Every structure is written in structure tokens, then in C-alpha cells.
Amino acid sequence: QVQLVESGGGFVQAGGSLTLSCVVSGSTFSKYCMAWFRQTPGKEREFVAAINWGGGSTAYADSVTDRFTNSRDNAKNTMYLQMNSLKPEDTAVYYCAASTSPYWGSEYPPVYEYWGQGTQATVSS
């Protein structure tokens, strides 16, 4: 059974940084293309970033481009999201997701078969 566990969320002031981690167990990490999504109460889950199987290609939502960096370490079965210059509107529960799709980078949540439980990031103004 594939399991994804996020960590690294917390409380930070605007302009600060957080690094989220997502550890994958129960399967071969490198066969999954991965992504980060976020969600706030009453809103749809929103695409944040995606990364291909080897980590050489990434894609970002316009709202986080140049502030967030998505990376992965296949030897550690871990994906990361470095979040800099945080804004109050970045406040959300952040989820990592894994897909066996042959096409990486989808912004459509149903493409991803496996999800973590989420980690809360709160940015104060």
C-alpha cells in the first residue's frame, strides 16, 4: 500500500519561508510523477507544483512561480517544496500527490491516485 506523509508546515510571518517534505513508502518512489496541491476551506483543491520522475522538470502555478521550488530525492523517497517570500494568501493545507500517469505535470487532481493527509501552512500579515 502506497503511503504519502507530509511534514514541515507551520506558522510564519509574511515574507518568511517554509520547507515541506513528502515521504513516500510502500512502492518504488521513482515510478511516480508527483505534485503539490493546496486547499482552503470552501474552495477547490488548487494545483501548486509538479515534478517529473527524475526531478529534472518542474512546473508551477502562476501564483507561486519564482517563490516556490519543487524538488525530489529518489534515494530518500522524498519530495520537497521550498516556499519563500510567503504571503498570507499562501495559507492553506498543502497536500502531496503521486500518479502513475505516463504524462507528468497534470493540474487535475483526479489524475493522482495517491494523496497524503496534508500539512497546514499559515502565513500571517
C-alpha atoms as a PDB file:
ATOM      1  CA  GLN A   1       0.000   0.000   0.000  1.00  0.00           C
ATOM      2  CA  VAL A   2       1.443   3.327  -1.058  1.00  0.00           C
ATOM      3  CA  GLN A   3       1.565   5.918   1.697  1.00  0.00           C
ATOM      4  CA  LEU A   4       2.439   9.592   1.478  1.00  0.00           C
ATOM      5  CA  VAL A   5       3.237  11.586   4.595  1.00  0.00           C
ATOM      6  CA  GLU A   6       3.741  15.349   4.529  1.00  0.00           C
ATOM      7  CA  SER A   7       5.547  17.385   7.157  1.00  0.00           C
ATOM      8  CA  GLY A   8       7.057  20.821   7.582  1.00  0.00           C
ATOM      9  CA  GLY A   9       4.002  23.004   7.788  1.00  0.00           C
ATOM     10  CA  GLY A  10       3.712  25.657  10.440  1.00  0.00           C
ATOM     11  CA  PHE A  11       3.148  29.291  11.239  1.00  0.00           C
ATOM     12  CA  VAL A  12       5.284  32.002   9.635  1.00  0.00           C
ATOM     13  CA  GLN A  13       5.118  35.732   9.068  1.00  0.00           C
ATOM     14  CA  ALA A  14       4.699  37.199   5.610  1.00  0.00           C
ATOM     15  CA  GLY A  15       8.000  37.194   3.757  1.00  0.00           C
ATOM     16  CA  GLY A  16       9.197  34.128   5.599  1.00  0.00           C
ATOM     17  CA  SER A  17       9.961  30.620   4.391  1.00  0.00           C
ATOM     18  CA  LEU A  18       8.851  27.056   4.978  1.00  0.00           C
ATOM     19  CA  THR A  19      10.027  23.759   3.528  1.00  0.00           C
ATOM     20  CA  LEU A  20       7.515  20.969   3.142  1.00  0.00           C
ATOM     21  CA  SER A  21       8.512  17.324   2.790  1.00  0.00           C
ATOM     22  CA  CYS A  22       6.590  14.345   1.456  1.00  0.00           C
ATOM     23  CA  VAL A  23       7.883  10.862   2.199  1.00  0.00           C
ATOM     24  CA  VAL A  24       6.552   8.016   0.064  1.00  0.00           C
ATOM     25  CA  SER A  25       6.584   4.413   1.248  1.00  0.00           C
ATOM     26  CA  GLY A  26       5.211   1.095   0.074  1.00  0.00           C
ATOM     27  CA  SER A  27       6.321   1.358  -3.525  1.00  0.00           C
ATOM     28  CA  THR A  28       9.123   2.482  -5.820  1.00  0.00           C
ATOM     29  CA  PHE A  29       9.128   6.270  -5.499  1.00  0.00           C
ATOM     30  CA  SER A  30      10.810   6.916  -8.823  1.00  0.00           C
ATOM     31  CA  LYS A  31       7.940   5.450 -10.831  1.00  0.00           C
ATOM     32  CA  TYR A  32       5.585   8.228  -9.731  1.00  0.00           C
ATOM     33  CA  CYS A  33       5.284  11.708 -11.091  1.00  0.00           C
ATOM     34  CA  MET A  34       4.491  13.929  -8.148  1.00  0.00           C
ATOM     35  CA  ALA A  35       2.716  17.147  -7.345  1.00  0.00           C
ATOM     36  CA  TRP A  36       1.732  19.548  -4.605  1.00  0.00           C
ATOM     37  CA  PHE A  37      -1.779  20.908  -4.196  1.00  0.00           C
ATOM     38  CA  ARG A  38      -3.292  23.189  -1.588  1.00  0.00           C
ATOM     39  CA  GLN A  39      -6.752  23.811  -0.267  1.00  0.00           C
ATOM     40  CA  THR A  40      -8.512  26.372   1.879  1.00  0.00           C
ATOM     41  CA  PRO A  41     -11.953  25.935   3.475  1.00  0.00           C
ATOM     42  CA  GLY A  42     -14.777  26.167   0.974  1.00  0.00           C
ATOM     43  CA  LYS A  43     -12.506  26.141  -2.062  1.00  0.00           C
ATOM     44  CA  GLU A  44     -11.440  23.550  -4.603  1.00  0.00           C
ATOM     45  CA  ARG A  45      -8.085  21.869  -4.262  1.00  0.00           C
ATOM     46  CA  GLU A  46      -5.591  24.037  -6.164  1.00  0.00           C
ATOM     47  CA  PHE A  47      -2.522  22.935  -8.124  1.00  0.00           C
ATOM     48  CA  VAL A  48       0.746  24.341  -6.801  1.00  0.00           C
ATOM     49  CA  ALA A  49       3.655  22.493  -8.417  1.00  0.00           C
ATOM     50  CA  ALA A  50       4.594  19.275 -10.183  1.00  0.00           C
ATOM     51  CA  ILE A  51       7.776  17.348 -10.821  1.00  0.00           C
ATOM     52  CA  ASN A  52       8.662  14.540 -13.203  1.00  0.00           C
ATOM     53  CA  TRP A  53      10.050  11.138 -12.264  1.00  0.00           C
ATOM     54  CA  GLY A  54      13.719  12.047 -12.149  1.00  0.00           C
ATOM     55  CA  GLY A  55      13.255  15.581 -10.860  1.00  0.00           C
ATOM     56  CA  GLY A  56      14.712  17.258 -13.920  1.00  0.00           C
ATOM     57  CA  SER A  57      11.500  19.003 -14.924  1.00  0.00           C
ATOM     58  CA  THR A  58       9.126  21.064 -12.814  1.00  0.00           C
ATOM     59  CA  ALA A  59       6.005  23.129 -13.346  1.00  0.00           C
ATOM     60  CA  TYR A  60       4.364  25.759 -11.152  1.00  0.00           C
ATOM     61  CA  ALA A  61       1.141  27.641 -10.753  1.00  0.00           C
ATOM     62  CA  ASP A  62       1.499  31.284 -11.779  1.00  0.00           C
ATOM     63  CA  SER A  63       0.784  32.372  -8.208  1.00  0.00           C
ATOM     64  CA  VAL A  64       3.894  30.641  -6.834  1.00  0.00           C
ATOM     65  CA  THR A  65       6.371  30.879  -9.730  1.00  0.00           C
ATOM     66  CA  ASP A  66       9.700  32.375  -8.658  1.00  0.00           C
ATOM     67  CA  ARG A  67       8.818  31.886  -4.969  1.00  0.00           C
ATOM     68  CA  PHE A  68       8.396  28.106  -4.613  1.00  0.00           C
ATOM     69  CA  THR A  69      10.810  25.351  -5.634  1.00  0.00           C
ATOM     70  CA  ASN A  70       9.760  21.739  -6.066  1.00  0.00           C
ATOM     71  CA  SER A  71      12.412  19.039  -5.844  1.00  0.00           C
ATOM     72  CA  ARG A  72      12.765  15.343  -5.107  1.00  0.00           C
ATOM     73  CA  ASP A  73      15.397  12.925  -3.845  1.00  0.00           C
ATOM     74  CA  ASN A  74      14.622   9.462  -5.181  1.00  0.00           C
ATOM     75  CA  ALA A  75      17.275   7.888  -2.952  1.00  0.00           C
ATOM     76  CA  LYS A  76      15.341   9.171   0.087  1.00  0.00           C
ATOM     77  CA  ASN A  77      11.847   8.585  -1.344  1.00  0.00           C
ATOM     78  CA  THR A  78      11.131  12.210  -0.580  1.00  0.00           C
ATOM     79  CA  MET A  79       9.740  15.238  -2.381  1.00  0.00           C
ATOM     80  CA  TYR A  80      10.204  18.794  -1.163  1.00  0.00           C
ATOM     81  CA  LEU A  81       8.534  22.162  -1.600  1.00  0.00           C
ATOM     82  CA  GLN A  82      10.693  25.109  -0.645  1.00  0.00           C
ATOM     83  CA  MET A  83       8.395  28.085  -0.121  1.00  0.00           C
ATOM     84  CA  ASN A  84       9.975  31.551   0.040  1.00  0.00           C
ATOM     85  CA  SER A  85       8.550  35.069   0.217  1.00  0.00           C
ATOM     86  CA  LEU A  86       5.362  33.675   1.668  1.00  0.00           C
ATOM     87  CA  LYS A  87       2.170  35.706   1.508  1.00  0.00           C
ATOM     88  CA  PRO A  88      -0.990  35.465   3.608  1.00  0.00           C
ATOM     89  CA  GLU A  89      -2.798  34.105   0.551  1.00  0.00           C
ATOM     90  CA  ASP A  90      -0.467  31.083   0.651  1.00  0.00           C
ATOM     91  CA  THR A  91      -2.199  29.969   3.846  1.00  0.00           C
ATOM     92  CA  ALA A  92      -3.689  26.532   3.170  1.00  0.00           C
ATOM     93  CA  VAL A  93      -3.453  22.834   3.810  1.00  0.00           C
ATOM     94  CA  TYR A  94      -0.801  21.510   1.468  1.00  0.00           C
ATOM     95  CA  TYR A  95      -1.099  18.005   0.023  1.00  0.00           C
ATOM     96  CA  CYS A  96       1.397  15.911  -1.889  1.00  0.00           C
ATOM     97  CA  ALA A  97       0.121  13.559  -4.562  1.00  0.00           C
ATOM     98  CA  ALA A  98       1.516  10.714  -6.659  1.00  0.00           C
ATOM     99  CA  SER A  99       0.492   9.500 -10.089  1.00  0.00           C
ATOM    100  CA  THR A 100       1.386   6.572 -12.334  1.00  0.00           C
ATOM    101  CA  SER A 101       0.276   8.551 -15.369  1.00  0.00           C
ATOM    102  CA  PRO A 102       2.757   8.491 -18.272  1.00  0.00           C
ATOM    103  CA  TYR A 103       2.307  12.250 -18.534  1.00  0.00           C
ATOM    104  CA  TRP A 104       3.677  14.366 -15.715  1.00  0.00           C
ATOM    105  CA  GLY A 105       2.574  17.863 -14.729  1.00  0.00           C
ATOM    106  CA  SER A 106      -1.180  17.488 -14.615  1.00  0.00           C
ATOM    107  CA  GLU A 107      -3.051  20.170 -12.675  1.00  0.00           C
ATOM    108  CA  TYR A 108      -6.124  17.930 -12.424  1.00  0.00           C
ATOM    109  CA  PRO A 109      -6.426  16.241  -9.012  1.00  0.00           C
ATOM    110  CA  PRO A 110      -8.188  13.035 -10.199  1.00  0.00           C
ATOM    111  CA  VAL A 111      -5.057  12.148 -12.197  1.00  0.00           C
ATOM    112  CA  TYR A 112      -3.273  11.476  -8.920  1.00  0.00           C
ATOM    113  CA  GLU A 113      -4.064   8.111  -7.348  1.00  0.00           C
ATOM    114  CA  TYR A 114      -2.343   8.628  -4.004  1.00  0.00           C
ATOM    115  CA  TRP A 115      -2.521  11.510  -1.550  1.00  0.00           C
ATOM    116  CA  GLY A 116      -1.034  12.475   1.755  1.00  0.00           C
ATOM    117  CA  GLN A 117      -3.029  13.646   4.734  1.00  0.00           C
ATOM    118  CA  GLY A 118      -1.983  17.278   4.351  1.00  0.00           C
ATOM    119  CA  THR A 119       0.060  19.735   6.365  1.00  0.00           C
ATOM    120  CA  GLN A 120      -1.137  23.196   7.397  1.00  0.00           C
ATOM    121  CA  ALA A 121       0.867  26.275   6.455  1.00  0.00           C
ATOM    122  CA  THR A 122      -0.281  29.559   7.941  1.00  0.00           C
ATOM    123  CA  VAL A 123       1.179  32.917   6.902  1.00  0.00           C
ATOM    124  CA  SER A 124       0.374  35.959   8.999  1.00  0.00           C
ATOM    125  CA  SER A 125       0.371  39.503   7.652  1.00  0.00           C
END
